[in-house]
N, C-alpha and C. Protein backbone atom coordinates (compact mmCIF):
# COMPACT_ATOMS: atom_id res chain seq x y z
N MET A 1 94.22 87.75 82.29
CA MET A 1 93.61 89.03 81.94
C MET A 1 94.22 90.13 82.82
N ASP A 2 94.52 91.28 82.21
CA ASP A 2 95.11 92.39 82.95
C ASP A 2 94.08 93.03 83.88
N LYS A 3 94.58 93.47 85.01
CA LYS A 3 93.74 94.18 85.96
C LYS A 3 93.44 95.57 85.40
N PRO A 4 92.17 95.98 85.37
CA PRO A 4 91.86 97.32 84.86
C PRO A 4 92.43 98.39 85.80
N THR A 5 92.92 99.47 85.20
CA THR A 5 93.45 100.58 86.01
C THR A 5 92.68 101.85 85.67
N PHE A 6 92.57 102.69 86.66
CA PHE A 6 91.97 104.00 86.47
C PHE A 6 93.05 104.98 86.02
N ASP A 7 92.66 106.08 85.43
CA ASP A 7 93.64 107.05 84.93
C ASP A 7 94.56 107.57 86.04
N HIS A 8 93.99 107.85 87.22
CA HIS A 8 94.81 108.41 88.29
C HIS A 8 95.86 107.41 88.79
N GLU A 9 95.63 106.11 88.60
CA GLU A 9 96.60 105.11 89.04
C GLU A 9 97.85 105.11 88.18
N ARG A 10 97.79 105.73 87.02
CA ARG A 10 98.96 105.81 86.13
C ARG A 10 99.85 107.02 86.46
N LEU A 11 99.36 107.92 87.26
CA LEU A 11 100.12 109.12 87.60
C LEU A 11 101.27 108.77 88.54
N ASP A 12 102.43 109.37 88.28
CA ASP A 12 103.58 109.14 89.15
C ASP A 12 103.29 109.61 90.57
N VAL A 13 102.64 110.74 90.70
CA VAL A 13 102.37 111.28 92.03
C VAL A 13 101.48 110.33 92.83
N TYR A 14 100.55 109.69 92.17
CA TYR A 14 99.67 108.74 92.87
C TYR A 14 100.46 107.51 93.31
N ARG A 15 101.25 106.95 92.41
CA ARG A 15 102.02 105.75 92.75
C ARG A 15 103.03 106.03 93.86
N LEU A 16 103.69 107.18 93.80
CA LEU A 16 104.65 107.54 94.84
C LEU A 16 103.95 107.78 96.18
N SER A 17 102.77 108.36 96.14
CA SER A 17 102.06 108.60 97.40
C SER A 17 101.60 107.29 98.04
N ILE A 18 101.25 106.29 97.23
CA ILE A 18 100.89 104.98 97.76
C ILE A 18 102.12 104.33 98.40
N GLU A 19 103.27 104.48 97.76
CA GLU A 19 104.51 103.95 98.34
C GLU A 19 104.81 104.64 99.67
N TYR A 20 104.54 105.95 99.75
CA TYR A 20 104.78 106.69 100.99
C TYR A 20 103.86 106.19 102.10
N VAL A 21 102.62 105.87 101.78
CA VAL A 21 101.70 105.34 102.79
C VAL A 21 102.25 104.02 103.33
N ALA A 22 102.70 103.15 102.45
CA ALA A 22 103.27 101.87 102.88
C ALA A 22 104.51 102.10 103.75
N PHE A 23 105.37 103.03 103.34
CA PHE A 23 106.56 103.36 104.13
C PHE A 23 106.16 103.88 105.51
N SER A 24 105.17 104.75 105.55
CA SER A 24 104.71 105.33 106.82
C SER A 24 104.22 104.25 107.77
N TYR A 25 103.47 103.30 107.25
CA TYR A 25 102.97 102.22 108.10
C TYR A 25 104.12 101.36 108.64
N ARG A 26 105.13 101.10 107.82
CA ARG A 26 106.27 100.30 108.29
C ARG A 26 106.99 101.01 109.44
N ILE A 27 107.22 102.30 109.28
CA ILE A 27 107.94 103.08 110.31
C ILE A 27 107.06 103.27 111.55
N ALA A 28 105.77 103.49 111.35
CA ALA A 28 104.86 103.79 112.45
C ALA A 28 104.67 102.62 113.41
N LYS A 29 104.97 101.42 112.95
CA LYS A 29 104.84 100.25 113.85
C LYS A 29 105.70 100.42 115.10
N GLY A 30 106.80 101.10 114.96
CA GLY A 30 107.71 101.29 116.08
C GLY A 30 107.34 102.43 117.02
N LEU A 31 106.35 103.22 116.66
CA LEU A 31 105.96 104.35 117.50
C LEU A 31 104.84 103.91 118.45
N THR A 32 105.16 103.88 119.73
CA THR A 32 104.18 103.47 120.74
C THR A 32 104.23 104.43 121.91
N GLY A 33 103.42 104.19 122.90
CA GLY A 33 103.44 104.99 124.13
C GLY A 33 103.09 106.44 123.87
N VAL A 34 103.98 107.34 124.32
CA VAL A 34 103.72 108.77 124.21
C VAL A 34 103.73 109.24 122.75
N HIS A 35 104.26 108.44 121.86
CA HIS A 35 104.33 108.81 120.44
C HIS A 35 103.07 108.40 119.67
N ARG A 36 102.14 107.76 120.35
CA ARG A 36 100.95 107.25 119.66
C ARG A 36 100.13 108.35 118.97
N PRO A 37 99.85 109.49 119.62
CA PRO A 37 99.09 110.54 118.92
C PRO A 37 99.80 111.05 117.66
N ALA A 38 101.12 111.18 117.73
CA ALA A 38 101.88 111.62 116.55
C ALA A 38 101.79 110.57 115.46
N ARG A 39 101.88 109.31 115.85
CA ARG A 39 101.77 108.21 114.87
C ARG A 39 100.43 108.25 114.18
N ASP A 40 99.35 108.40 114.95
CA ASP A 40 98.01 108.41 114.37
C ASP A 40 97.83 109.58 113.40
N GLN A 41 98.32 110.75 113.79
CA GLN A 41 98.21 111.92 112.92
C GLN A 41 99.03 111.72 111.65
N TRP A 42 100.22 111.17 111.78
CA TRP A 42 101.08 110.92 110.63
C TRP A 42 100.41 109.97 109.65
N LEU A 43 99.80 108.89 110.17
CA LEU A 43 99.14 107.93 109.29
C LEU A 43 97.92 108.54 108.60
N ARG A 44 97.16 109.36 109.32
CA ARG A 44 96.01 110.04 108.68
C ARG A 44 96.49 110.97 107.57
N ALA A 45 97.56 111.71 107.84
CA ALA A 45 98.09 112.63 106.84
C ALA A 45 98.63 111.86 105.63
N ALA A 46 99.32 110.76 105.88
CA ALA A 46 99.87 109.97 104.77
C ALA A 46 98.75 109.40 103.91
N GLN A 47 97.67 108.96 104.54
CA GLN A 47 96.55 108.40 103.79
C GLN A 47 95.84 109.45 102.95
N SER A 48 95.88 110.70 103.38
CA SER A 48 95.16 111.74 102.64
C SER A 48 95.90 112.17 101.37
N ILE A 49 97.20 111.92 101.30
CA ILE A 49 97.99 112.37 100.15
C ILE A 49 97.50 111.76 98.83
N PRO A 50 97.31 110.44 98.75
CA PRO A 50 96.85 109.89 97.46
C PRO A 50 95.42 110.31 97.10
N LEU A 51 94.67 110.75 98.08
CA LEU A 51 93.29 111.16 97.81
C LEU A 51 93.19 112.55 97.21
N ASN A 52 94.25 113.34 97.31
CA ASN A 52 94.20 114.74 96.89
C ASN A 52 95.35 115.15 95.98
N PRO A 53 95.64 114.44 94.92
CA PRO A 53 96.78 114.84 94.09
C PRO A 53 96.57 116.18 93.39
N GLY A 54 95.34 116.60 93.18
CA GLY A 54 95.07 117.86 92.51
C GLY A 54 94.61 118.95 93.45
N ALA A 55 94.78 118.78 94.74
CA ALA A 55 94.25 119.73 95.72
C ALA A 55 94.77 121.15 95.53
N PRO A 56 96.07 121.38 95.28
CA PRO A 56 96.51 122.77 95.12
C PRO A 56 95.79 123.49 93.98
N GLY A 57 95.50 122.80 92.90
CA GLY A 57 94.79 123.42 91.79
C GLY A 57 93.37 123.78 92.17
N ARG A 58 92.71 122.91 92.91
CA ARG A 58 91.34 123.20 93.34
C ARG A 58 91.32 124.38 94.30
N LYS A 59 92.29 124.45 95.19
CA LYS A 59 92.34 125.56 96.14
C LYS A 59 92.49 126.88 95.39
N ALA A 60 93.33 126.87 94.37
CA ALA A 60 93.54 128.09 93.60
C ALA A 60 92.25 128.50 92.90
N MET A 61 91.51 127.52 92.37
CA MET A 61 90.25 127.83 91.69
C MET A 61 89.25 128.41 92.68
N VAL A 62 89.17 127.82 93.88
CA VAL A 62 88.25 128.31 94.89
C VAL A 62 88.65 129.71 95.32
N SER A 63 89.95 129.92 95.49
CA SER A 63 90.44 131.23 95.90
C SER A 63 90.07 132.30 94.87
N ARG A 64 90.27 131.99 93.58
CA ARG A 64 89.92 132.97 92.54
C ARG A 64 88.42 133.23 92.54
N ALA A 65 87.63 132.19 92.72
CA ALA A 65 86.18 132.36 92.72
C ALA A 65 85.73 133.20 93.90
N SER A 66 86.32 132.97 95.07
CA SER A 66 85.91 133.74 96.23
C SER A 66 86.34 135.20 96.09
N LYS A 67 87.50 135.45 95.50
CA LYS A 67 87.94 136.83 95.28
C LYS A 67 87.00 137.54 94.31
N THR A 68 86.53 136.82 93.31
CA THR A 68 85.60 137.40 92.35
C THR A 68 84.29 137.77 93.05
N ARG A 69 83.82 136.86 93.91
CA ARG A 69 82.58 137.14 94.66
C ARG A 69 82.77 138.34 95.57
N ILE A 70 83.90 138.39 96.27
CA ILE A 70 84.15 139.52 97.18
C ILE A 70 84.22 140.81 96.37
N GLY A 71 84.88 140.76 95.22
CA GLY A 71 84.97 141.94 94.37
C GLY A 71 83.61 142.40 93.91
N SER A 72 82.72 141.46 93.57
CA SER A 72 81.39 141.86 93.11
C SER A 72 80.56 142.41 94.26
N LEU A 73 80.81 141.92 95.48
CA LEU A 73 80.07 142.46 96.62
C LEU A 73 80.47 143.91 96.88
N LYS A 74 81.71 144.23 96.66
CA LYS A 74 82.17 145.61 96.87
C LYS A 74 81.46 146.57 95.91
N LEU A 75 81.13 146.09 94.74
CA LEU A 75 80.44 146.94 93.77
C LEU A 75 79.00 147.23 94.18
N HIS A 76 78.42 146.36 95.00
CA HIS A 76 77.00 146.48 95.34
C HIS A 76 76.78 146.92 96.78
N ARG A 77 77.69 147.68 97.34
CA ARG A 77 77.51 148.14 98.71
C ARG A 77 76.38 149.16 98.78
N VAL A 78 75.70 149.09 99.88
CA VAL A 78 74.64 150.07 100.12
C VAL A 78 75.25 151.24 100.90
N PRO A 79 75.08 152.46 100.42
CA PRO A 79 75.67 153.61 101.12
C PRO A 79 75.00 153.79 102.48
N ARG A 80 75.77 154.25 103.45
CA ARG A 80 75.24 154.47 104.81
C ARG A 80 74.66 155.84 104.97
């Protein structure tokens, strides 16, 4: 029986980001000593990539929404 897959698992960006995480772990094994903080940060960043394939689109939506709110606040200023 075939393993069920989710829609996001079919995306190229998701599959490539998973490969990048595996690559990062292979390379990070060699980073020790003073390089440990950089290694830890690199691995955290690599792990976050597959979790956020649509992040730029969400940021743009939030940005537009906040600009709309700011614009509406300007219309309702109380005169001094």
